[in-house]
Amino acid sequence: MKKAPKTFEEALKRLEALTESMQNADLPLEDALAAYQEGSTLLKYCRDKLAEAEQKLHILDSDGLIKEFAPDEQ
């Protein structure tokens, strides 16, 4: 990928395409390594976006007030 993805969905779609191409036994080693490197970059991008989204999540508590989402709360 020559440019950074604009959205999480775009990055995920490209990751899926890279995974599919890497499963092809006919892919030359250099191309496979380039795909792996690009995939690693996209994976980091996706993880960062998910972490950012998690920080923005809010839940309503029993009083109807919005509070920050805490993953360990039930």
Protein backbone atom coordinates (compact mmCIF):
# COMPACT_ATOMS: atom_id res chain seq x y z
CA MET A 1 0.00 0.00 0.00
CA LYS A 2 1.60 3.21 -1.11
CA LYS A 3 -0.58 5.55 0.94
CA ALA A 4 -1.97 5.36 4.44
CA PRO A 5 -5.54 4.10 4.71
CA LYS A 6 -8.20 6.73 5.24
CA THR A 7 -10.42 4.52 7.38
CA PHE A 8 -10.30 1.44 9.56
CA GLU A 9 -12.52 -0.36 7.06
CA GLU A 10 -10.18 0.45 4.18
CA ALA A 11 -7.21 -0.88 6.15
CA LEU A 12 -9.09 -4.04 7.11
CA LYS A 13 -10.14 -4.67 3.51
CA ARG A 14 -6.52 -4.31 2.36
CA LEU A 15 -5.35 -6.66 5.15
CA GLU A 16 -7.85 -9.26 3.96
CA ALA A 17 -6.61 -8.91 0.37
CA LEU A 18 -2.98 -9.26 1.50
CA THR A 19 -3.81 -12.36 3.53
CA GLU A 20 -5.54 -13.91 0.54
CA SER A 21 -2.62 -13.16 -1.78
CA MET A 22 -0.08 -14.54 0.72
CA GLN A 23 -1.98 -17.83 0.85
CA ASN A 24 -1.25 -18.26 -2.85
CA ALA A 25 1.64 -20.71 -3.16
CA ASP A 26 2.75 -19.02 -6.41
CA LEU A 27 3.57 -15.70 -4.72
CA PRO A 28 7.29 -14.95 -5.10
CA LEU A 29 9.26 -14.60 -1.86
CA GLU A 30 9.99 -10.89 -2.36
CA ASP A 31 6.32 -10.16 -2.95
CA ALA A 32 5.36 -12.21 0.10
CA LEU A 33 7.83 -10.28 2.27
CA ALA A 34 6.53 -6.95 0.95
CA ALA A 35 2.96 -8.06 1.66
CA TYR A 36 3.95 -9.14 5.17
CA GLN A 37 5.58 -5.78 5.85
CA GLU A 38 2.57 -3.87 4.56
CA GLY A 39 0.27 -6.12 6.56
CA SER A 40 2.24 -5.46 9.74
CA THR A 41 1.88 -1.71 9.21
CA LEU A 42 -1.85 -2.04 8.54
CA LEU A 43 -2.30 -4.26 11.59
CA LYS A 44 -0.71 -1.62 13.81
CA TYR A 45 -2.95 1.04 12.24
CA CYS A 46 -6.05 -1.08 12.92
CA ARG A 47 -5.02 -1.81 16.51
CA ASP A 48 -4.41 1.89 17.13
CA LYS A 49 -7.82 2.79 15.68
CA LEU A 50 -9.54 0.15 17.83
CA ALA A 51 -7.79 1.41 20.96
CA GLU A 52 -8.84 4.95 20.07
CA ALA A 53 -12.45 3.83 19.60
CA GLU A 54 -12.41 1.95 22.89
CA GLN A 55 -11.35 5.11 24.70
CA LYS A 56 -14.31 6.97 23.21
CA LEU A 57 -16.89 4.41 24.22
CA HIS A 58 -19.35 5.50 26.81
CA ILE A 59 -22.01 3.60 28.66
CA LEU A 60 -25.06 4.74 30.52
CA ASP A 61 -24.94 3.99 34.21
CA SER A 62 -28.02 3.19 36.28
CA ASP A 63 -28.71 6.92 36.86
CA GLY A 64 -28.83 7.55 33.13
CA LEU A 65 -25.58 9.49 33.17
CA ILE A 66 -22.88 8.95 30.60
CA LYS A 67 -19.58 7.73 31.97
CA GLU A 68 -16.36 6.48 30.45
CA PHE A 69 -16.35 2.84 29.39
CA ALA A 70 -14.22 0.61 31.60
CA PRO A 71 -13.61 -2.87 30.12
CA ASP A 72 -13.43 -4.52 33.55
CA GLU A 73 -16.91 -3.31 34.59
CA GLN A 74 -19.85 -5.65 34.17
